[in-house]
Each structure stands twice: as C-alpha cells, then as structure tokens.
C-alpha cells in the first residue's frame, strides 16, 4: 500500500515538472516570437522611412533653411537694390554704393517702423518681403512672370485697400497698381508703386501689413494676367472719404462699387 502511494506521488511530481517545463518553453517561445515581431516591425519602419521620396527631405530643408540677411557691413548688389528702393521712397538720402553703412541702417529702421515691422535695422525675411525683394524660393512662380513676392505684396495692397469691394473692384485696384508700374510717371516696380510716399492710405495707416485672404490673392493674379476692369486707369478714390481736391479733377473712366477710377 505504501509503495503504491509513493508511486502515485512520484507520478504526480513528474507530471508537475513536465507541465512546468512545458509552460517555460511556451513562455520562451512567445518571448522569442515577440522579439522577432518587434524586430520585423522595426525593420519594416526603417524600410518604409528609407523608401520615402527625396522630395520630402528637400521640402523640409527648404522650410528650415535660414533666410539670407543684409545688415551693417554687408556689401553687394542686394544692398544697392535696398538703397535704391529706400532712396526712391524717401527713406534714404545717401549714395547708392552697395555698402550697408550706418545711414542705410537708419533708413531701414525708418522703413521698418513705418511699416509695422520689427525695428532692428536688418533686412531679413519680412523686410525683404515688404521691400518687394525675393529671397531664395520666393523668386519665381508668380502670375504672368511676376515673382511670388510681387504677387503677395499686390494681394496685401488689394486686401488693405479694397477687401470690402466686389471681386471685380478688387481686381481693379490691383490693375491700377500695375498700370502705374508701366507708366513713366511712377516707379517701375510693384513695391515701388505701393510704397511711394502718400500713394496709398493702407501704407500710411499700416493696413498694408494685414494678411491677405485667398480672394485678394486671386484678384492679384487676375490683374497680373491682364484683366483690367479700369481700362488703363492710374488713380482711384472714394468720393465720400477723399480729401484731396486735386483727385476730383481727374477724368473719370468707370465707377466700381465705392471707388471711382480715373486717368
């Protein structure tokens, strides 16, 4: 009887041992499988990342590329362009020599202060944009051969001057700017026309720095592509708010919304 009991106990002990070993083996196999799955997943992610198009990295590089700046001590043709623009608009009275000296810095600071920009005397991304100068990727791609910087600046002017007008009225304001660019009586660039002293109320009161909506951008592009609802006008005004007696002497061509367009 005692032998049978001992044999039974031994059998149970062996069974428990086998079960424990099996459980350990299963756990070990599971762990191995999980590690393998994780390694495969990581490999797949690396493969997927490696397979991503080069354009993604080019776009990221462009987005984070530093903007060239002009500051005191800089020299070159870009400095000359800045000096020419500021001199034409009355901010700078020095020589156009391509040397960024203290007088150029003071002129830039005056321009920045007038246009609601950070006043630091350095021509960076925002000041370049306000001057109508391109920086890197913004140099091409605008409507009808204009730069993106030109398109955006014209859209800002349209939005600031005519955002309450009809779409045709907004295109008309853009057309006046472009007609002035073509006229020998005005500066020959979009930025030169817009920032000419006392030319636009939106520049004087700072609304030129508002962000244009898509409608204004589309209106700028349509004007640049040749749509001129004013038939060549060089002036427009609101007869209710205009204070200059001279503007009323101009020949009226068409009235669009609240604006009278004249030559």
Protein backbone atom coordinates (compact mmCIF):
# COMPACT_ATOMS: atom_id res chain seq x y z
CA UNK A 1 0.00 0.00 0.00
CA UNK A 2 2.82 2.38 0.92
CA UNK A 3 4.63 1.52 -2.34
CA UNK A 4 1.52 2.39 -4.38
CA UNK A 5 1.17 5.76 -2.58
CA UNK A 6 4.84 6.55 -3.18
CA UNK A 7 4.49 5.62 -6.84
CA UNK A 8 1.43 7.87 -7.16
CA UNK A 9 3.18 10.79 -5.52
CA UNK A 10 6.18 10.30 -7.80
CA UNK A 11 3.95 10.23 -10.86
CA UNK A 12 2.23 13.47 -9.83
CA UNK A 13 5.58 15.11 -9.17
CA UNK A 14 6.87 14.10 -12.61
CA UNK A 15 3.68 15.38 -14.25
CA UNK A 16 4.00 18.72 -12.50
CA UNK A 17 7.62 19.01 -13.54
CA UNK A 18 6.77 18.25 -17.17
CA UNK A 19 3.94 20.80 -17.08
CA UNK A 20 6.24 23.45 -15.63
CA UNK A 21 8.86 22.77 -18.28
CA UNK A 22 6.22 23.00 -20.99
CA UNK A 23 4.97 26.32 -19.61
CA UNK A 24 8.52 27.68 -19.53
CA UNK A 25 9.11 26.52 -23.08
CA UNK A 26 5.89 28.16 -24.25
CA UNK A 27 6.81 31.40 -22.50
CA UNK A 28 10.27 31.31 -24.02
CA UNK A 29 8.83 30.67 -27.48
CA UNK A 30 6.34 33.50 -27.02
CA UNK A 31 9.10 35.88 -25.96
CA UNK A 32 11.20 34.90 -28.96
CA UNK A 33 8.25 35.44 -31.28
CA UNK A 34 7.51 38.85 -29.74
CA UNK A 35 11.14 39.90 -30.15
CA UNK A 36 11.12 38.68 -33.72
CA UNK A 37 7.88 40.52 -34.47
CA UNK A 38 9.26 43.70 -32.94
CA UNK A 39 12.47 43.41 -34.93
CA UNK A 40 10.49 42.80 -38.13
CA UNK A 41 8.24 45.78 -37.42
CA UNK A 42 11.24 47.99 -36.77
CA UNK A 43 12.86 46.74 -39.96
CA UNK A 44 9.67 47.48 -41.86
CA UNK A 45 9.54 51.01 -40.46
CA UNK A 46 13.16 51.60 -41.41
CA UNK A 47 12.47 50.26 -44.88
CA UNK A 48 9.40 52.48 -45.21
CA UNK A 49 11.32 55.53 -43.97
CA UNK A 50 14.23 54.78 -46.27
CA UNK A 51 11.83 54.45 -49.18
CA UNK A 52 10.27 57.88 -48.63
CA UNK A 53 10.83 60.20 -51.60
CA UNK A 54 13.70 62.63 -51.60
CA UNK A 55 11.23 65.45 -52.16
CA UNK A 56 10.17 65.21 -48.51
CA UNK A 57 13.68 65.98 -47.33
CA UNK A 58 14.07 68.75 -49.88
CA UNK A 59 10.83 70.33 -48.65
CA UNK A 60 11.94 70.06 -45.03
CA UNK A 61 15.28 71.61 -45.90
CA UNK A 62 13.60 74.46 -47.72
CA UNK A 63 11.22 75.08 -44.83
CA UNK A 64 14.01 75.35 -42.28
CA UNK A 65 16.69 76.92 -44.47
CA UNK A 66 17.95 80.17 -42.97
CA UNK A 67 16.98 83.34 -44.77
CA UNK A 68 19.85 85.47 -46.08
CA UNK A 69 20.05 88.80 -44.27
CA UNK A 70 21.58 92.17 -45.01
CA UNK A 71 22.97 94.20 -42.14
CA UNK A 72 25.57 96.84 -41.36
CA UNK A 73 28.79 95.73 -43.00
CA UNK A 74 27.10 93.85 -45.86
CA UNK A 75 28.03 94.75 -49.45
CA UNK A 76 26.85 93.85 -52.93
CA UNK A 77 24.08 94.26 -55.46
CA UNK A 78 21.30 93.39 -53.00
CA UNK A 79 22.42 96.25 -50.77
CA UNK A 80 22.33 98.54 -53.81
CA UNK A 81 18.78 97.43 -54.57
CA UNK A 82 17.71 98.16 -51.00
CA UNK A 83 19.35 101.59 -51.13
CA UNK A 84 17.71 102.39 -54.49
CA UNK A 85 14.27 101.45 -53.22
CA UNK A 86 14.61 103.36 -49.96
CA UNK A 87 16.03 106.38 -51.76
CA UNK A 88 13.18 106.39 -54.29
CA UNK A 89 10.63 106.22 -51.48
CA UNK A 90 12.26 109.00 -49.46
CA UNK A 91 13.70 106.94 -46.60
CA UNK A 92 17.36 107.20 -47.65
CA UNK A 93 19.40 110.20 -48.78
CA UNK A 94 22.84 108.62 -49.06
CA UNK A 95 24.75 107.28 -52.01
CA UNK A 96 23.78 104.06 -53.79
CA UNK A 97 27.15 102.37 -53.37
CA UNK A 98 26.24 98.85 -52.27
CA UNK A 99 27.79 99.37 -48.83
CA UNK A 100 25.47 98.81 -45.84
CA UNK A 101 26.61 101.61 -43.56
CA UNK A 102 25.02 103.45 -40.66
CA UNK A 103 22.90 105.68 -42.93
CA UNK A 104 21.48 102.65 -44.72
CA UNK A 105 20.74 101.03 -41.37
CA UNK A 106 18.87 104.14 -40.18
CA UNK A 107 16.87 104.21 -43.42
CA UNK A 108 15.94 100.53 -42.98
CA UNK A 109 14.89 101.19 -39.38
CA UNK A 110 12.68 104.08 -40.56
CA UNK A 111 11.12 101.86 -43.23
CA UNK A 112 10.54 99.07 -40.70
CA UNK A 113 8.98 101.43 -38.17
CA UNK A 114 6.69 102.93 -40.81
CA UNK A 115 5.52 99.50 -41.99
CA UNK A 116 4.95 97.80 -38.66
CA UNK A 117 7.97 95.53 -38.84
CA UNK A 118 10.49 94.62 -36.16
CA UNK A 119 12.82 97.62 -35.97
CA UNK A 120 16.34 96.19 -35.92
CA UNK A 121 17.99 97.77 -38.98
CA UNK A 122 18.45 94.31 -40.52
CA UNK A 123 16.92 93.28 -43.82
CA UNK A 124 15.61 89.80 -43.05
CA UNK A 125 12.75 87.73 -44.46
CA UNK A 126 9.89 90.07 -43.52
CA UNK A 127 11.71 93.24 -44.53
CA UNK A 128 12.72 91.67 -47.84
CA UNK A 129 9.07 90.84 -48.41
CA UNK A 130 7.93 94.37 -47.55
CA UNK A 131 10.53 95.77 -49.94
CA UNK A 132 9.20 93.52 -52.68
CA UNK A 133 12.52 91.67 -52.93
CA UNK A 134 12.68 87.91 -53.34
CA UNK A 135 14.65 85.64 -51.03
CA UNK A 136 15.52 82.22 -52.38
CA UNK A 137 12.45 80.11 -53.10
CA UNK A 138 10.14 83.09 -53.48
CA UNK A 139 11.95 84.37 -56.56
CA UNK A 140 9.85 82.51 -59.11
CA UNK A 141 6.39 81.13 -59.59
CA UNK A 142 4.18 84.23 -59.60
CA UNK A 143 1.48 85.00 -62.15
CA UNK A 144 2.46 86.14 -65.65
CA UNK A 145 6.18 86.11 -64.89
CA UNK A 146 5.96 88.15 -61.69
CA UNK A 147 7.66 86.82 -58.57
CA UNK A 148 5.72 85.29 -55.71
CA UNK A 149 6.84 88.23 -53.60
CA UNK A 150 5.25 90.61 -56.13
CA UNK A 151 2.01 88.63 -56.13
CA UNK A 152 1.83 88.55 -52.34
CA UNK A 153 2.60 92.27 -51.98
CA UNK A 154 -0.06 93.19 -54.54
CA UNK A 155 -2.55 90.94 -52.74
CA UNK A 156 -1.74 92.72 -49.47
CA UNK A 157 -2.42 96.07 -51.11
CA UNK A 158 -5.69 94.84 -52.61
CA UNK A 159 -6.83 93.37 -49.29
CA UNK A 160 -5.91 96.51 -47.37
CA UNK A 161 -7.46 98.93 -49.85
CA UNK A 162 -10.47 97.05 -51.19
CA UNK A 163 -11.40 93.97 -49.15
CA UNK A 164 -14.98 95.28 -48.81
CA UNK A 165 -15.40 95.67 -52.56
CA UNK A 166 -16.67 93.18 -55.13
CA UNK A 167 -14.19 90.80 -56.74
CA UNK A 168 -14.09 92.98 -59.86
CA UNK A 169 -13.44 96.00 -57.65
CA UNK A 170 -10.52 94.22 -56.02
CA UNK A 171 -9.01 93.26 -59.38
CA UNK A 172 -9.44 96.90 -60.44
CA UNK A 173 -7.31 98.14 -57.54
CA UNK A 174 -4.59 95.66 -58.50
CA UNK A 175 -4.82 96.81 -62.11
CA UNK A 176 -4.24 100.44 -61.09
CA UNK A 177 -1.03 99.42 -59.33
CA UNK A 178 0.17 97.56 -62.42
CA UNK A 179 -0.81 100.43 -64.72
CA UNK A 180 1.37 102.70 -62.62
CA UNK A 181 4.27 100.28 -62.92
CA UNK A 182 4.01 100.61 -66.70
CA UNK A 183 3.67 104.40 -66.60
CA UNK A 184 6.81 106.58 -66.85
CA UNK A 185 5.29 108.88 -64.24
CA UNK A 186 5.54 106.28 -61.47
CA UNK A 187 8.13 103.82 -60.08
CA UNK A 188 8.66 100.83 -62.34
CA UNK A 189 8.16 98.07 -59.74
CA UNK A 190 5.15 96.90 -57.76
CA UNK A 191 6.87 97.56 -54.46
CA UNK A 192 8.00 100.98 -55.68
CA UNK A 193 4.44 101.96 -56.62
CA UNK A 194 2.87 100.65 -53.43
CA UNK A 195 5.43 102.20 -51.09
CA UNK A 196 5.69 105.52 -52.91
CA UNK A 197 5.14 108.22 -50.29
CA UNK A 198 1.50 109.11 -49.70
CA UNK A 199 0.35 106.94 -52.61
CA UNK A 200 -1.87 104.56 -50.66
CA UNK A 201 -3.75 105.12 -47.41
CA UNK A 202 -3.18 101.48 -46.45
CA UNK A 203 0.56 102.06 -46.29
CA UNK A 204 0.17 105.21 -44.21
CA UNK A 205 -2.13 103.59 -41.64
CA UNK A 206 -0.37 100.22 -41.54
CA UNK A 207 -3.16 98.09 -43.03
CA UNK A 208 -0.72 97.03 -45.76
CA UNK A 209 0.68 94.59 -43.17
CA UNK A 210 -2.58 92.66 -42.82
CA UNK A 211 -2.55 89.09 -44.13
CA UNK A 212 -4.49 88.88 -47.41
CA UNK A 213 -7.18 86.25 -47.94
CA UNK A 214 -7.38 83.92 -50.92
CA UNK A 215 -9.79 86.25 -52.72
CA UNK A 216 -7.22 89.05 -52.67
CA UNK A 217 -4.50 86.68 -53.87
CA UNK A 218 -6.71 85.51 -56.73
CA UNK A 219 -7.52 89.12 -57.62
CA UNK A 220 -3.80 89.94 -57.72
CA UNK A 221 -3.15 87.03 -60.06
CA UNK A 222 -6.03 88.00 -62.35
CA UNK A 223 -4.73 91.56 -62.57
CA UNK A 224 -1.24 90.28 -63.30
CA UNK A 225 -2.62 88.03 -66.01
CA UNK A 226 -4.08 91.03 -67.82
CA UNK A 227 -7.59 91.67 -66.52
CA UNK A 228 -8.06 95.41 -66.20
CA UNK A 229 -11.63 96.47 -65.33
CA UNK A 230 -10.43 100.11 -65.20
CA UNK A 231 -9.34 100.31 -68.85
CA UNK A 232 -5.93 101.70 -68.04
CA UNK A 233 -6.66 103.96 -65.07
CA UNK A 234 -3.86 105.30 -62.89
CA UNK A 235 -5.97 106.56 -59.99
CA UNK A 236 -8.93 105.55 -57.86
CA UNK A 237 -10.65 107.16 -54.91
CA UNK A 238 -13.70 107.00 -52.73
CA UNK A 239 -15.63 110.26 -53.33
CA UNK A 240 -17.16 110.05 -49.85
CA UNK A 241 -13.85 109.96 -47.99
CA UNK A 242 -11.39 111.63 -50.39
CA UNK A 243 -9.94 114.89 -49.06
CA UNK A 244 -7.74 115.97 -51.97
CA UNK A 245 -9.37 118.46 -54.32
CA UNK A 246 -6.82 117.51 -56.97
CA UNK A 247 -8.12 113.96 -57.31
CA UNK A 248 -11.57 115.24 -58.25
CA UNK A 249 -10.02 116.98 -61.26
CA UNK A 250 -9.01 113.68 -62.84
CA UNK A 251 -11.10 112.34 -65.72
CA UNK A 252 -13.45 109.59 -64.53
CA UNK A 253 -13.46 106.41 -66.59
CA UNK A 254 -15.54 103.99 -64.56
CA UNK A 255 -17.08 103.57 -61.12
CA UNK A 256 -16.90 100.14 -59.48
CA UNK A 257 -18.52 99.83 -56.08
CA UNK A 258 -17.41 102.71 -53.86
CA UNK A 259 -14.36 103.56 -55.96
CA UNK A 260 -14.12 105.99 -58.85
CA UNK A 261 -11.34 105.07 -61.32
CA UNK A 262 -9.70 107.87 -63.25
CA UNK A 263 -6.84 108.82 -65.52
